[in-house]
Amino acid sequence: MYLTSEKKEEIFGKYGTSNTDTGSPESQIALFSYRISHLTGHLKSNHKDYSTERALKMLVGKRRRLLDYLKDKNIERYRAIIKELGIRK
């Protein structure tokens, strides 16, 4: 499996406040970004996998909604996560 619990803890530790911080918007956005990059690579080689394409679109929407929430609540944290992950609007 591409996303093990150790990898999740690493992502949460890097972008959240601790290894078990699964609820902060930054850690969720980082996890979604990791999953999006994995699914994008899968779709490059399997372009007819429509269920994965739908899942990818749903993940992008979830990440977009979290980014909008973070932008409304705290613009500095939003700018920091955008810069750190390399996401552009």
PDB file of N, CA and C in Angstrom:
ATOM      1  N   MET A   1       0.839  -1.180   0.000  1.00  0.00           N
ATOM      2  CA  MET A   1       0.000   0.000   0.000  1.00  0.00           C
ATOM      3  C   MET A   1       0.880   1.238   0.000  1.00  0.00           C
ATOM      4  N   TYR A   2       0.459   2.252  -0.691  1.00  0.00           N
ATOM      5  CA  TYR A   2       1.295   3.429  -0.855  1.00  0.00           C
ATOM      6  C   TYR A   2       1.269   4.356   0.352  1.00  0.00           C
ATOM      7  N   LEU A   3       0.207   4.301   1.167  1.00  0.00           N
ATOM      8  CA  LEU A   3       0.081   5.209   2.302  1.00  0.00           C
ATOM      9  C   LEU A   3       0.017   4.399   3.593  1.00  0.00           C
ATOM     10  N   THR A   4       1.162   4.215   4.213  1.00  0.00           N
ATOM     11  CA  THR A   4       1.218   3.451   5.451  1.00  0.00           C
ATOM     12  C   THR A   4       1.001   4.387   6.632  1.00  0.00           C
ATOM     13  N   SER A   5       0.811   3.815   7.803  1.00  0.00           N
ATOM     14  CA  SER A   5       0.598   4.632   8.992  1.00  0.00           C
ATOM     15  C   SER A   5       1.858   5.423   9.344  1.00  0.00           C
ATOM     16  N   GLU A   6       3.025   4.880   9.019  1.00  0.00           N
ATOM     17  CA  GLU A   6       4.259   5.623   9.278  1.00  0.00           C
ATOM     18  C   GLU A   6       4.347   6.864   8.393  1.00  0.00           C
ATOM     19  N   LYS A   7       3.923   6.716   7.145  1.00  0.00           N
ATOM     20  CA  LYS A   7       3.937   7.856   6.225  1.00  0.00           C
ATOM     21  C   LYS A   7       2.943   8.925   6.678  1.00  0.00           C
ATOM     22  N   LYS A   8       1.777   8.492   7.163  1.00  0.00           N
ATOM     23  CA  LYS A   8       0.795   9.444   7.682  1.00  0.00           C
ATOM     24  C   LYS A   8       1.348  10.197   8.878  1.00  0.00           C
ATOM     25  N   GLU A   9       1.997   9.467   9.797  1.00  0.00           N
ATOM     26  CA  GLU A   9       2.580  10.116  10.971  1.00  0.00           C
ATOM     27  C   GLU A   9       3.651  11.116  10.568  1.00  0.00           C
ATOM     28  N   GLU A  10       4.421  10.777   9.538  1.00  0.00           N
ATOM     29  CA  GLU A  10       5.443  11.694   9.046  1.00  0.00           C
ATOM     30  C   GLU A  10       4.813  12.970   8.483  1.00  0.00           C
ATOM     31  N   ILE A  11       3.746  12.823   7.711  1.00  0.00           N
ATOM     32  CA  ILE A  11       3.058  13.986   7.135  1.00  0.00           C
ATOM     33  C   ILE A  11       2.441  14.828   8.245  1.00  0.00           C
ATOM     34  N   PHE A  12       1.762  14.186   9.198  1.00  0.00           N
ATOM     35  CA  PHE A  12       1.138  14.928  10.288  1.00  0.00           C
ATOM     36  C   PHE A  12       2.181  15.602  11.168  1.00  0.00           C
ATOM     37  N   GLY A  13       3.318  14.956  11.375  1.00  0.00           N
ATOM     38  CA  GLY A  13       4.375  15.562  12.176  1.00  0.00           C
ATOM     39  C   GLY A  13       5.002  16.761  11.495  1.00  0.00           C
ATOM     40  N   LYS A  14       5.113  16.707  10.180  1.00  0.00           N
ATOM     41  CA  LYS A  14       5.747  17.800   9.440  1.00  0.00           C
ATOM     42  C   LYS A  14       4.832  19.017   9.306  1.00  0.00           C
ATOM     43  N   TYR A  15       3.550  18.775   9.017  1.00  0.00           N
ATOM     44  CA  TYR A  15       2.647  19.890   8.740  1.00  0.00           C
ATOM     45  C   TYR A  15       1.704  20.216   9.886  1.00  0.00           C
ATOM     46  N   GLY A  16       1.463  19.285  10.799  1.00  0.00           N
ATOM     47  CA  GLY A  16       0.601  19.528  11.946  1.00  0.00           C
ATOM     48  C   GLY A  16       1.418  19.939  13.148  1.00  0.00           C
ATOM     49  N   THR A  17       0.775  19.911  14.311  1.00  0.00           N
ATOM     50  CA  THR A  17       1.493  20.280  15.528  1.00  0.00           C
ATOM     51  C   THR A  17       2.201  19.077  16.155  1.00  0.00           C
ATOM     52  N   SER A  18       1.698  17.851  15.876  1.00  0.00           N
ATOM     53  CA  SER A  18       2.339  16.644  16.399  1.00  0.00           C
ATOM     54  C   SER A  18       2.075  15.499  15.433  1.00  0.00           C
ATOM     55  N   ASN A  19       2.609  14.320  15.745  1.00  0.00           N
ATOM     56  CA  ASN A  19       2.414  13.145  14.891  1.00  0.00           C
ATOM     57  C   ASN A  19       0.977  12.653  14.909  1.00  0.00           C
ATOM     58  N   THR A  20       0.234  12.992  15.950  1.00  0.00           N
ATOM     59  CA  THR A  20      -1.153  12.541  16.049  1.00  0.00           C
ATOM     60  C   THR A  20      -2.144  13.650  15.741  1.00  0.00           C
ATOM     61  N   ASP A  21      -1.688  14.773  15.218  1.00  0.00           N
ATOM     62  CA  ASP A  21      -2.562  15.906  14.892  1.00  0.00           C
ATOM     63  C   ASP A  21      -3.224  15.660  13.541  1.00  0.00           C
ATOM     64  N   THR A  22      -4.354  14.949  13.572  1.00  0.00           N
ATOM     65  CA  THR A  22      -5.033  14.617  12.322  1.00  0.00           C
ATOM     66  C   THR A  22      -6.124  15.608  11.967  1.00  0.00           C
ATOM     67  N   GLY A  23      -6.453  16.511  12.871  1.00  0.00           N
ATOM     68  CA  GLY A  23      -7.593  17.391  12.651  1.00  0.00           C
ATOM     69  C   GLY A  23      -7.278  18.761  12.126  1.00  0.00           C
ATOM     70  N   SER A  24      -6.040  19.201  12.207  1.00  0.00           N
ATOM     71  CA  SER A  24      -5.742  20.555  11.758  1.00  0.00           C
ATOM     72  C   SER A  24      -5.859  20.642  10.236  1.00  0.00           C
ATOM     73  N   PRO A  25      -6.310  21.780   9.726  1.00  0.00           N
ATOM     74  CA  PRO A  25      -6.463  21.917   8.280  1.00  0.00           C
ATOM     75  C   PRO A  25      -5.158  21.723   7.512  1.00  0.00           C
ATOM     76  N   GLU A  26      -4.043  22.171   8.090  1.00  0.00           N
ATOM     77  CA  GLU A  26      -2.766  22.032   7.403  1.00  0.00           C
ATOM     78  C   GLU A  26      -2.389  20.569   7.194  1.00  0.00           C
ATOM     79  N   SER A  27      -2.585  19.757   8.232  1.00  0.00           N
ATOM     80  CA  SER A  27      -2.220  18.342   8.098  1.00  0.00           C
ATOM     81  C   SER A  27      -3.150  17.625   7.132  1.00  0.00           C
ATOM     82  N   GLN A  28      -4.444  17.977   7.141  1.00  0.00           N
ATOM     83  CA  GLN A  28      -5.376  17.358   6.202  1.00  0.00           C
ATOM     84  C   GLN A  28      -5.066  17.759   4.767  1.00  0.00           C
ATOM     85  N   ILE A  29      -4.729  19.031   4.555  1.00  0.00           N
ATOM     86  CA  ILE A  29      -4.383  19.516   3.215  1.00  0.00           C
ATOM     87  C   ILE A  29      -3.131  18.808   2.713  1.00  0.00           C
ATOM     88  N   ALA A  30      -2.151  18.631   3.594  1.00  0.00           N
ATOM     89  CA  ALA A  30      -0.919  17.939   3.204  1.00  0.00           C
ATOM     90  C   ALA A  30      -1.195  16.481   2.851  1.00  0.00           C
ATOM     91  N   LEU A  31      -2.050  15.812   3.626  1.00  0.00           N
ATOM     92  CA  LEU A  31      -2.392  14.424   3.333  1.00  0.00           C
ATOM     93  C   LEU A  31      -3.144  14.315   2.006  1.00  0.00           C
ATOM     94  N   PHE A  32      -4.091  15.219   1.782  1.00  0.00           N
ATOM     95  CA  PHE A  32      -4.814  15.216   0.511  1.00  0.00           C
ATOM     96  C   PHE A  32      -3.868  15.473  -0.656  1.00  0.00           C
ATOM     97  N   SER A  33      -2.907  16.363  -0.476  1.00  0.00           N
ATOM     98  CA  SER A  33      -1.960  16.660  -1.552  1.00  0.00           C
ATOM     99  C   SER A  33      -1.113  15.442  -1.890  1.00  0.00           C
ATOM    100  N   TYR A  34      -0.710  14.690  -0.867  1.00  0.00           N
ATOM    101  CA  TYR A  34       0.057  13.470  -1.101  1.00  0.00           C
ATOM    102  C   TYR A  34      -0.775  12.454  -1.873  1.00  0.00           C
ATOM    103  N   ARG A  35      -2.035  12.290  -1.469  1.00  0.00           N
ATOM    104  CA  ARG A  35      -2.917  11.346  -2.150  1.00  0.00           C
ATOM    105  C   ARG A  35      -3.213  11.794  -3.581  1.00  0.00           C
ATOM    106  N   ILE A  36      -3.368  13.097  -3.790  1.00  0.00           N
ATOM    107  CA  ILE A  36      -3.633  13.634  -5.129  1.00  0.00           C
ATOM    108  C   ILE A  36      -2.451  13.368  -6.052  1.00  0.00           C
ATOM    109  N   SER A  37      -1.249  13.562  -5.557  1.00  0.00           N
ATOM    110  CA  SER A  37      -0.077  13.315  -6.399  1.00  0.00           C
ATOM    111  C   SER A  37       0.039  11.832  -6.747  1.00  0.00           C
ATOM    112  N   HIS A  38      -0.305  10.958  -5.799  1.00  0.00           N
ATOM    113  CA  HIS A  38      -0.267   9.519  -6.082  1.00  0.00           C
ATOM    114  C   HIS A  38      -1.300   9.135  -7.138  1.00  0.00           C
ATOM    115  N   LEU A  39      -2.520   9.638  -6.995  1.00  0.00           N
ATOM    116  CA  LEU A  39      -3.568   9.305  -7.954  1.00  0.00           C
ATOM    117  C   LEU A  39      -3.292   9.904  -9.328  1.00  0.00           C
ATOM    118  N   THR A  40      -2.661  11.055  -9.371  1.00  0.00           N
ATOM    119  CA  THR A  40      -2.312  11.665 -10.653  1.00  0.00           C
ATOM    120  C   THR A  40      -1.311  10.789 -11.393  1.00  0.00           C
ATOM    121  N   GLY A  41      -0.326  10.270 -10.686  1.00  0.00           N
ATOM    122  CA  GLY A  41       0.632   9.353 -11.304  1.00  0.00           C
ATOM    123  C   GLY A  41      -0.027   8.080 -11.798  1.00  0.00           C
ATOM    124  N   HIS A  42      -0.999   7.576 -11.042  1.00  0.00           N
ATOM    125  CA  HIS A  42      -1.722   6.372 -11.451  1.00  0.00           C
ATOM    126  C   HIS A  42      -2.518   6.632 -12.729  1.00  0.00           C
ATOM    127  N   LEU A  43      -3.143   7.798 -12.808  1.00  0.00           N
ATOM    128  CA  LEU A  43      -3.978   8.096 -13.969  1.00  0.00           C
ATOM    129  C   LEU A  43      -3.161   8.377 -15.229  1.00  0.00           C
ATOM    130  N   LYS A  44      -1.907   8.752 -15.062  1.00  0.00           N
ATOM    131  CA  LYS A  44      -1.072   8.956 -16.243  1.00  0.00           C
ATOM    132  C   LYS A  44      -0.828   7.645 -16.983  1.00  0.00           C
ATOM    133  N   SER A  45      -0.750   6.553 -16.248  1.00  0.00           N
ATOM    134  CA  SER A  45      -0.529   5.263 -16.900  1.00  0.00           C
ATOM    135  C   SER A  45      -1.822   4.487 -17.137  1.00  0.00           C
ATOM    136  N   ASN A  46      -2.898   4.845 -16.438  1.00  0.00           N
ATOM    137  CA  ASN A  46      -4.190   4.168 -16.577  1.00  0.00           C
ATOM    138  C   ASN A  46      -5.268   5.200 -16.878  1.00  0.00           C
ATOM    139  N   HIS A  47      -5.249   5.738 -18.069  1.00  0.00           N
ATOM    140  CA  HIS A  47      -6.112   6.869 -18.395  1.00  0.00           C
ATOM    141  C   HIS A  47      -7.590   6.502 -18.515  1.00  0.00           C
ATOM    142  N   LYS A  48      -7.940   5.238 -18.570  1.00  0.00           N
ATOM    143  CA  LYS A  48      -9.345   4.834 -18.658  1.00  0.00           C
ATOM    144  C   LYS A  48      -9.930   4.423 -17.308  1.00  0.00           C
ATOM    145  N   ASP A  49      -9.212   4.639 -16.239  1.00  0.00           N
ATOM    146  CA  ASP A  49      -9.679   4.291 -14.903  1.00  0.00           C
ATOM    147  C   ASP A  49     -10.566   5.431 -14.390  1.00  0.00           C
ATOM    148  N   TYR A  50     -11.852   5.349 -14.718  1.00  0.00           N
ATOM    149  CA  TYR A  50     -12.755   6.459 -14.450  1.00  0.00           C
ATOM    150  C   TYR A  50     -13.145   6.565 -12.978  1.00  0.00           C
ATOM    151  N   SER A  51     -13.143   5.465 -12.257  1.00  0.00           N
ATOM    152  CA  SER A  51     -13.464   5.546 -10.837  1.00  0.00           C
ATOM    153  C   SER A  51     -12.351   6.264 -10.071  1.00  0.00           C
ATOM    154  N   THR A  52     -11.115   6.038 -10.459  1.00  0.00           N
ATOM    155  CA  THR A  52     -10.003   6.757  -9.839  1.00  0.00           C
ATOM    156  C   THR A  52     -10.038   8.227 -10.229  1.00  0.00           C
ATOM    157  N   GLU A  53     -10.444   8.500 -11.447  1.00  0.00           N
ATOM    158  CA  GLU A  53     -10.558   9.901 -11.892  1.00  0.00           C
ATOM    159  C   GLU A  53     -11.600  10.644 -11.064  1.00  0.00           C
ATOM    160  N   ARG A  54     -12.706   9.970 -10.774  1.00  0.00           N
ATOM    161  CA  ARG A  54     -13.747  10.584  -9.945  1.00  0.00           C
ATOM    162  C   ARG A  54     -13.235  10.807  -8.521  1.00  0.00           C
ATOM    163  N   ALA A  55     -12.535   9.832  -7.983  1.00  0.00           N
ATOM    164  CA  ALA A  55     -11.980   9.967  -6.633  1.00  0.00           C
ATOM    165  C   ALA A  55     -10.986  11.119  -6.573  1.00  0.00           C
ATOM    166  N   LEU A  56     -10.194  11.278  -7.625  1.00  0.00           N
ATOM    167  CA  LEU A  56      -9.231  12.376  -7.678  1.00  0.00           C
ATOM    168  C   LEU A  56      -9.946  13.716  -7.680  1.00  0.00           C
ATOM    169  N   LYS A  57     -11.002  13.833  -8.463  1.00  0.00           N
ATOM    170  CA  LYS A  57     -11.764  15.082  -8.506  1.00  0.00           C
ATOM    171  C   LYS A  57     -12.393  15.403  -7.160  1.00  0.00           C
ATOM    172  N   MET A  58     -12.867  14.380  -6.471  1.00  0.00           N
ATOM    173  CA  MET A  58     -13.453  14.595  -5.151  1.00  0.00           C
ATOM    174  C   MET A  58     -12.395  15.051  -4.146  1.00  0.00           C
ATOM    175  N   LEU A  59     -11.198  14.465  -4.219  1.00  0.00           N
ATOM    176  CA  LEU A  59     -10.118  14.870  -3.317  1.00  0.00           C
ATOM    177  C   LEU A  59      -9.688  16.305  -3.569  1.00  0.00           C
ATOM    178  N   VAL A  60      -9.615  16.688  -4.835  1.00  0.00           N
ATOM    179  CA  VAL A  60      -9.242  18.062  -5.168  1.00  0.00           C
ATOM    180  C   VAL A  60     -10.284  19.031  -4.616  1.00  0.00           C
ATOM    181  N   GLY A  61     -11.551  18.657  -4.707  1.00  0.00           N
ATOM    182  CA  GLY A  61     -12.608  19.497  -4.152  1.00  0.00           C
ATOM    183  C   GLY A  61     -12.534  19.618  -2.646  1.00  0.00           C
ATOM    184  N   LYS A  62     -12.254  18.508  -1.963  1.00  0.00           N
ATOM    185  CA  LYS A  62     -12.100  18.540  -0.507  1.00  0.00           C
ATOM    186  C   LYS A  62     -10.950  19.451  -0.108  1.00  0.00           C
ATOM    187  N   ARG A  63      -9.827  19.310  -0.822  1.00  0.00           N
ATOM    188  CA  ARG A  63      -8.665  20.147  -0.508  1.00  0.00           C
ATOM    189  C   ARG A  63      -8.982  21.609  -0.760  1.00  0.00           C
ATOM    190  N   ARG A  64      -9.697  21.897  -1.841  1.00  0.00           N
ATOM    191  CA  ARG A  64     -10.063  23.277  -2.167  1.00  0.00           C
ATOM    192  C   ARG A  64     -10.945  23.880  -1.080  1.00  0.00           C
ATOM    193  N   ARG A  65     -11.913  23.091  -0.586  1.00  0.00           N
ATOM    194  CA  ARG A  65     -12.790  23.587   0.481  1.00  0.00           C
ATOM    195  C   ARG A  65     -12.012  23.843   1.766  1.00  0.00           C
ATOM    196  N   LEU A  66     -11.075  22.958   2.093  1.00  0.00           N
ATOM    197  CA  LEU A  66     -10.256  23.185   3.291  1.00  0.00           C
ATOM    198  C   LEU A  66      -9.376  24.420   3.135  1.00  0.00           C
ATOM    199  N   LEU A  67      -8.827  24.616   1.935  1.00  0.00           N
ATOM    200  CA  LEU A  67      -8.010  25.804   1.693  1.00  0.00           C
ATOM    201  C   LEU A  67      -8.850  27.073   1.798  1.00  0.00           C
ATOM    202  N   ASP A  68     -10.074  27.045   1.292  1.00  0.00           N
ATOM    203  CA  ASP A  68     -10.960  28.206   1.410  1.00  0.00           C
ATOM    204  C   ASP A  68     -11.295  28.496   2.861  1.00  0.00           C
ATOM    205  N   TYR A  69     -11.542  27.438   3.646  1.00  0.00           N
ATOM    206  CA  TYR A  69     -11.811  27.603   5.067  1.00  0.00           C
ATOM    207  C   TYR A  69     -10.623  28.242   5.775  1.00  0.00           C
ATOM    208  N   LEU A  70      -9.437  27.727   5.489  1.00  0.00           N
ATOM    209  CA  LEU A  70      -8.236  28.245   6.137  1.00  0.00           C
ATOM    210  C   LEU A  70      -7.973  29.684   5.730  1.00  0.00           C
ATOM    211  N   LYS A  71      -8.272  30.006   4.492  1.00  0.00           N
ATOM    212  CA  LYS A  71      -8.081  31.374   4.001  1.00  0.00           C
ATOM    213  C   LYS A  71      -9.014  32.349   4.730  1.00  0.00           C
ATOM    214  N   ASP A  72     -10.243  31.914   5.001  1.00  0.00           N
ATOM    215  CA  ASP A  72     -11.188  32.763   5.721  1.00  0.00           C
ATOM    216  C   ASP A  72     -10.813  32.931   7.185  1.00  0.00           C
ATOM    217  N   LYS A  73     -10.282  31.871   7.801  1.00  0.00           N
ATOM    218  CA  LYS A  73      -9.995  31.906   9.234  1.00  0.00           C
ATOM    219  C   LYS A  73      -8.649  32.551   9.569  1.00  0.00           C
ATOM    220  N   ASN A  74      -7.614  32.207   8.792  1.00  0.00           N
ATOM    221  CA  ASN A  74      -6.275  32.699   9.123  1.00  0.00           C
ATOM    222  C   ASN A  74      -5.452  32.768   7.838  1.00  0.00           C
ATOM    223  N   ILE A  75      -5.309  33.940   7.276  1.00  0.00           N
ATOM    224  CA  ILE A  75      -4.655  34.108   5.981  1.00  0.00           C
ATOM    225  C   ILE A  75      -3.167  33.790   6.047  1.00  0.00           C
ATOM    226  N   GLU A  76      -2.515  33.999   7.195  1.00  0.00           N
ATOM    227  CA  GLU A  76      -1.087  33.703   7.307  1.00  0.00           C
ATOM    228  C   GLU A  76      -0.830  32.205   7.224  1.00  0.00           C
ATOM    229  N   ARG A  77      -1.659  31.419   7.920  1.00  0.00           N
ATOM    230  CA  ARG A  77      -1.510  29.956   7.855  1.00  0.00           C
ATOM    231  C   ARG A  77      -1.797  29.449   6.449  1.00  0.00           C
ATOM    232  N   TYR A  78      -2.773  30.067   5.777  1.00  0.00           N
ATOM    233  CA  TYR A  78      -3.100  29.698   4.398  1.00  0.00           C
ATOM    234  C   TYR A  78      -1.905  29.943   3.485  1.00  0.00           C
ATOM    235  N   ARG A  79      -1.318  31.117   3.574  1.00  0.00           N
ATOM    236  CA  ARG A  79      -0.166  31.448   2.727  1.00  0.00           C
ATOM    237  C   ARG A  79       1.016  30.538   3.019  1.00  0.00           C
ATOM    238  N   ALA A  80       1.204  30.189   4.291  1.00  0.00           N
ATOM    239  CA  ALA A  80       2.324  29.328   4.658  1.00  0.00           C
ATOM    240  C   ALA A  80       2.165  27.920   4.062  1.00  0.00           C
ATOM    241  N   ILE A  81       0.959  27.361   4.136  1.00  0.00           N
ATOM    242  CA  ILE A  81       0.767  26.002   3.623  1.00  0.00           C
ATOM    243  C   ILE A  81       0.811  25.984   2.101  1.00  0.00           C
ATOM    244  N   ILE A  82       0.322  27.030   1.463  1.00  0.00           N
ATOM    245  CA  ILE A  82       0.382  27.114   0.002  1.00  0.00           C
ATOM    246  C   ILE A  82       1.846  27.154  -0.460  1.00  0.00           C
ATOM    247  N   LYS A  83       2.634  27.961   0.232  1.00  0.00           N
ATOM    248  CA  LYS A  83       4.046  28.086  -0.134  1.00  0.00           C
ATOM    249  C   LYS A  83       4.801  26.800   0.138  1.00  0.00           C
ATOM    250  N   GLU A  84       4.528  26.173   1.275  1.00  0.00           N
ATOM    251  CA  GLU A  84       5.256  24.967   1.669  1.00  0.00           C
ATOM    252  C   GLU A  84       4.946  23.787   0.754  1.00  0.00           C
ATOM    253  N   LEU A  85       3.682  23.649   0.351  1.00  0.00           N
ATOM    254  CA  LEU A  85       3.287  22.527  -0.492  1.00  0.00           C
ATOM    255  C   LEU A  85       3.452  22.826  -1.990  1.00  0.00           C
ATOM    256  N   GLY A  86       3.596  24.081  -2.320  1.00  0.00           N
ATOM    257  CA  GLY A  86       3.741  24.437  -3.739  1.00  0.00           C
ATOM    258  C   GLY A  86       2.423  24.395  -4.494  1.00  0.00           C
ATOM    259  N   ILE A  87       1.322  24.641  -3.800  1.00  0.00           N
ATOM    260  CA  ILE A  87       0.007  24.657  -4.436  1.00  0.00           C
ATOM    261  C   ILE A  87      -0.250  26.075  -4.940  1.00  0.00           C
ATOM    262  N   ARG A  88      -0.769  26.147  -6.124  1.00  0.00           N
ATOM    263  CA  ARG A  88      -1.147  27.464  -6.639  1.00  0.00           C
ATOM    264  C   ARG A  88      -2.647  27.510  -6.825  1.00  0.00           C
ATOM    265  N   LYS A  89      -3.214  28.681  -6.657  1.00  0.00           N
ATOM    266  CA  LYS A  89      -4.664  28.835  -6.769  1.00  0.00           C
ATOM    267  C   LYS A  89      -5.078  28.903  -8.205  1.00  0.00           C
TER     268      LYS A  89
END
